Amino acid sequence: MQITDTIADLLTRIRNASSAKHDSVEIPASNMKKAIVQILVDEGYVRNYTVIEDGKQGIIKVNLKYGEGKTTVINGLRRVSKPGLRIYSNAEELPKVMKGLGIAIISTSKGVMTDREARKQNVGGEVLAFIW
């Protein structure tokens, strides 16, 4: 099966597994997905992840994180820039998600990073997703 938007697929798998209260979710690996999942780990939205080599492209196994009474830590995931409509932003106009309570994931010339990190390094780029 050919997936045209792999980042949207990643976000959808995490959203569905989180709402179904699964402990982990497996996603086909790529360097962009690894960078996005690493940001989710650094920001505290998921517990951790491992990359399983299967001889092809590999699989990312993401261990989800829950609060008291299995409440989800991730309240929302939204894909911003799509293959049909790319959304770019410069360093001064980077979006704030939920007035700073969430994060925006930005693909810059210096790598994939959060909106806070991109403002600190004064770089803009493609706005990939919002997470809150």
C-alpha atoms as a PDB file:
ATOM      1  CA  MET A   1       0.000   0.000   0.000  1.00  0.00           C
ATOM      2  CA  GLN A   2       1.378   3.379  -1.010  1.00  0.00           C
ATOM      3  CA  ILE A   3       0.981   6.164   1.557  1.00  0.00           C
ATOM      4  CA  THR A   4       1.379   9.668   0.116  1.00  0.00           C
ATOM      5  CA  ASP A   5       1.598  11.579   3.413  1.00  0.00           C
ATOM      6  CA  THR A   6       3.755   9.550   5.800  1.00  0.00           C
ATOM      7  CA  ILE A   7       3.820  12.222   8.526  1.00  0.00           C
ATOM      8  CA  ALA A   8       0.004  12.355   8.618  1.00  0.00           C
ATOM      9  CA  ASP A   9       0.058   8.546   8.868  1.00  0.00           C
ATOM     10  CA  LEU A  10       2.455   8.762  11.843  1.00  0.00           C
ATOM     11  CA  LEU A  11       0.246  11.301  13.626  1.00  0.00           C
ATOM     12  CA  THR A  12      -2.926   9.314  12.905  1.00  0.00           C
ATOM     13  CA  ARG A  13      -1.417   6.077  14.244  1.00  0.00           C
ATOM     14  CA  ILE A  14      -0.319   7.820  17.455  1.00  0.00           C
ATOM     15  CA  ARG A  15      -3.718   9.554  17.826  1.00  0.00           C
ATOM     16  CA  ASN A  16      -5.655   6.311  17.300  1.00  0.00           C
ATOM     17  CA  ALA A  17      -3.445   4.230  19.614  1.00  0.00           C
ATOM     18  CA  SER A  18      -3.634   6.925  22.288  1.00  0.00           C
ATOM     19  CA  SER A  19      -7.435   7.167  22.145  1.00  0.00           C
ATOM     20  CA  ALA A  20      -7.698   3.352  22.249  1.00  0.00           C
ATOM     21  CA  LYS A  21      -5.390   3.342  25.336  1.00  0.00           C
ATOM     22  CA  HIS A  22      -2.749   1.097  23.735  1.00  0.00           C
ATOM     23  CA  ASP A  23       0.647   0.832  25.429  1.00  0.00           C
ATOM     24  CA  SER A  24       2.604   1.138  22.177  1.00  0.00           C
ATOM     25  CA  VAL A  25       2.212   1.630  18.441  1.00  0.00           C
ATOM     26  CA  GLU A  26       4.386   0.468  15.528  1.00  0.00           C
ATOM     27  CA  ILE A  27       5.109   2.771  12.593  1.00  0.00           C
ATOM     28  CA  PRO A  28       7.206   2.189   9.430  1.00  0.00           C
ATOM     29  CA  ALA A  29      10.515   4.014   9.957  1.00  0.00           C
ATOM     30  CA  SER A  30      12.095   6.963   8.166  1.00  0.00           C
ATOM     31  CA  ASN A  31      14.583   9.597   9.272  1.00  0.00           C
ATOM     32  CA  MET A  32      11.898  12.318   9.337  1.00  0.00           C
ATOM     33  CA  LYS A  33       9.603  10.170  11.499  1.00  0.00           C
ATOM     34  CA  LYS A  34      12.489   9.362  13.875  1.00  0.00           C
ATOM     35  CA  ALA A  35      13.181  13.082  14.269  1.00  0.00           C
ATOM     36  CA  ILE A  36       9.498  13.840  14.967  1.00  0.00           C
ATOM     37  CA  VAL A  37       9.190  11.007  17.505  1.00  0.00           C
ATOM     38  CA  GLN A  38      12.429  12.162  19.190  1.00  0.00           C
ATOM     39  CA  ILE A  39      10.846  15.622  19.633  1.00  0.00           C
ATOM     40  CA  LEU A  40       7.750  13.978  21.154  1.00  0.00           C
ATOM     41  CA  VAL A  41      10.014  12.127  23.627  1.00  0.00           C
ATOM     42  CA  ASP A  42      12.006  15.288  24.470  1.00  0.00           C
ATOM     43  CA  GLU A  43       8.823  17.307  25.052  1.00  0.00           C
ATOM     44  CA  GLY A  44       7.287  14.583  27.242  1.00  0.00           C
ATOM     45  CA  TYR A  45       4.370  13.547  25.012  1.00  0.00           C
ATOM     46  CA  VAL A  46       5.490   9.902  24.643  1.00  0.00           C
ATOM     47  CA  ARG A  47       7.574   7.740  27.010  1.00  0.00           C
ATOM     48  CA  ASN A  48      10.229   6.449  24.574  1.00  0.00           C
ATOM     49  CA  TYR A  49      10.758   4.715  21.256  1.00  0.00           C
ATOM     50  CA  THR A  50      12.905   1.990  19.754  1.00  0.00           C
ATOM     51  CA  VAL A  51      13.827   1.273  16.143  1.00  0.00           C
ATOM     52  CA  ILE A  52      13.404  -2.373  15.154  1.00  0.00           C
ATOM     53  CA  GLU A  53      15.451  -3.427  12.127  1.00  0.00           C
ATOM     54  CA  ASP A  54      13.505  -5.821   9.888  1.00  0.00           C
ATOM     55  CA  GLY A  55      15.816  -5.959   6.873  1.00  0.00           C
ATOM     56  CA  LYS A  56      13.695  -3.441   4.942  1.00  0.00           C
ATOM     57  CA  GLN A  57      13.047   0.093   6.159  1.00  0.00           C
ATOM     58  CA  GLY A  58      12.638  -0.743   9.845  1.00  0.00           C
ATOM     59  CA  ILE A  59       9.862  -0.128  12.352  1.00  0.00           C
ATOM     60  CA  ILE A  60       9.595   2.550  15.031  1.00  0.00           C
ATOM     61  CA  LYS A  61       7.910   1.231  18.181  1.00  0.00           C
ATOM     62  CA  VAL A  62       6.566   4.186  20.178  1.00  0.00           C
ATOM     63  CA  ASN A  63       5.662   3.597  23.844  1.00  0.00           C
ATOM     64  CA  LEU A  64       2.815   5.956  24.708  1.00  0.00           C
ATOM     65  CA  LYS A  65       2.574   7.937  27.933  1.00  0.00           C
ATOM     66  CA  TYR A  66      -0.524   8.318  30.099  1.00  0.00           C
ATOM     67  CA  GLY A  67      -1.378  10.352  33.189  1.00  0.00           C
ATOM     68  CA  GLU A  68      -3.435   9.426  36.234  1.00  0.00           C
ATOM     69  CA  GLY A  69      -6.189   6.926  35.455  1.00  0.00           C
ATOM     70  CA  LYS A  70      -4.993   6.314  31.859  1.00  0.00           C
ATOM     71  CA  THR A  71      -5.740   9.897  30.776  1.00  0.00           C
ATOM     72  CA  THR A  72      -3.937  10.744  27.559  1.00  0.00           C
ATOM     73  CA  VAL A  73      -0.977  13.123  27.677  1.00  0.00           C
ATOM     74  CA  ILE A  74      -1.517  14.068  24.010  1.00  0.00           C
ATOM     75  CA  ASN A  75      -4.788  15.996  23.727  1.00  0.00           C
ATOM     76  CA  GLY A  76      -4.460  16.783  20.039  1.00  0.00           C
ATOM     77  CA  LEU A  77      -2.306  16.219  16.944  1.00  0.00           C
ATOM     78  CA  ARG A  78      -2.864  18.183  13.754  1.00  0.00           C
ATOM     79  CA  ARG A  79      -1.011  18.057  10.454  1.00  0.00           C
ATOM     80  CA  VAL A  80      -0.461  21.597   9.159  1.00  0.00           C
ATOM     81  CA  SER A  81       1.623  21.408   5.972  1.00  0.00           C
ATOM     82  CA  LYS A  82       0.259  18.810   3.560  1.00  0.00           C
ATOM     83  CA  PRO A  83       1.729  17.479   0.296  1.00  0.00           C
ATOM     84  CA  GLY A  84      -0.864  19.457  -1.677  1.00  0.00           C
ATOM     85  CA  LEU A  85      -0.412  22.691   0.308  1.00  0.00           C
ATOM     86  CA  ARG A  86       2.906  23.379   1.986  1.00  0.00           C
ATOM     87  CA  ILE A  87       2.906  25.932   4.827  1.00  0.00           C
ATOM     88  CA  TYR A  88       6.129  27.847   5.453  1.00  0.00           C
ATOM     89  CA  SER A  89       6.915  30.427   8.099  1.00  0.00           C
ATOM     90  CA  ASN A  90       9.868  32.652   8.844  1.00  0.00           C
ATOM     91  CA  ALA A  91      11.434  32.892  12.314  1.00  0.00           C
ATOM     92  CA  GLU A  92       9.444  35.985  13.348  1.00  0.00           C
ATOM     93  CA  GLU A  93       6.046  34.569  12.349  1.00  0.00           C
ATOM     94  CA  LEU A  94       6.302  31.010  13.717  1.00  0.00           C
ATOM     95  CA  PRO A  95       2.935  29.947  15.160  1.00  0.00           C
ATOM     96  CA  LYS A  96       2.318  29.490  18.890  1.00  0.00           C
ATOM     97  CA  VAL A  97       0.148  26.450  19.641  1.00  0.00           C
ATOM     98  CA  MET A  98      -2.476  26.983  22.371  1.00  0.00           C
ATOM     99  CA  LYS A  99      -0.714  30.273  23.296  1.00  0.00           C
ATOM    100  CA  GLY A 100       2.506  28.427  24.114  1.00  0.00           C
ATOM    101  CA  LEU A 101       1.031  25.362  25.871  1.00  0.00           C
ATOM    102  CA  GLY A 102       1.531  23.100  22.828  1.00  0.00           C
ATOM    103  CA  ILE A 103       4.343  22.740  20.323  1.00  0.00           C
ATOM    104  CA  ALA A 104       4.677  23.203  16.591  1.00  0.00           C
ATOM    105  CA  ILE A 105       7.104  20.875  14.799  1.00  0.00           C
ATOM    106  CA  ILE A 106       9.119  22.753  12.185  1.00  0.00           C
ATOM    107  CA  SER A 107      11.348  21.319   9.449  1.00  0.00           C
ATOM    108  CA  THR A 108      14.198  23.808   9.047  1.00  0.00           C
ATOM    109  CA  SER A 109      17.499  23.908   7.196  1.00  0.00           C
ATOM    110  CA  LYS A 110      19.118  23.000  10.546  1.00  0.00           C
ATOM    111  CA  GLY A 111      16.911  19.928  11.053  1.00  0.00           C
ATOM    112  CA  VAL A 112      13.518  19.148  12.558  1.00  0.00           C
ATOM    113  CA  MET A 113      12.821  21.099  15.757  1.00  0.00           C
ATOM    114  CA  THR A 114      10.110  22.696  17.888  1.00  0.00           C
ATOM    115  CA  ASP A 115       8.896  26.237  17.335  1.00  0.00           C
ATOM    116  CA  ARG A 116      10.667  27.400  20.517  1.00  0.00           C
ATOM    117  CA  GLU A 117      14.003  25.986  19.345  1.00  0.00           C
ATOM    118  CA  ALA A 118      13.527  27.510  15.868  1.00  0.00           C
ATOM    119  CA  ARG A 119      12.841  30.947  17.408  1.00  0.00           C
ATOM    120  CA  LYS A 120      15.955  30.573  19.583  1.00  0.00           C
ATOM    121  CA  GLN A 121      18.104  29.710  16.541  1.00  0.00           C
ATOM    122  CA  ASN A 122      16.295  32.358  14.432  1.00  0.00           C
ATOM    123  CA  VAL A 123      15.384  29.989  11.577  1.00  0.00           C
ATOM    124  CA  GLY A 124      12.105  29.440   9.788  1.00  0.00           C
ATOM    125  CA  GLY A 125      10.866  26.518   7.754  1.00  0.00           C
ATOM    126  CA  GLU A 126       7.968  24.235   6.928  1.00  0.00           C
ATOM    127  CA  VAL A 127       5.372  23.909   9.707  1.00  0.00           C
ATOM    128  CA  LEU A 128       4.768  20.142   9.865  1.00  0.00           C
ATOM    129  CA  ALA A 129       2.371  19.639  12.777  1.00  0.00           C
ATOM    130  CA  PHE A 130       0.795  21.039  15.954  1.00  0.00           C
ATOM    131  CA  ILE A 131       0.762  18.960  19.151  1.00  0.00           C
ATOM    132  CA  TRP A 132      -0.998  19.910  22.360  1.00  0.00           C
END
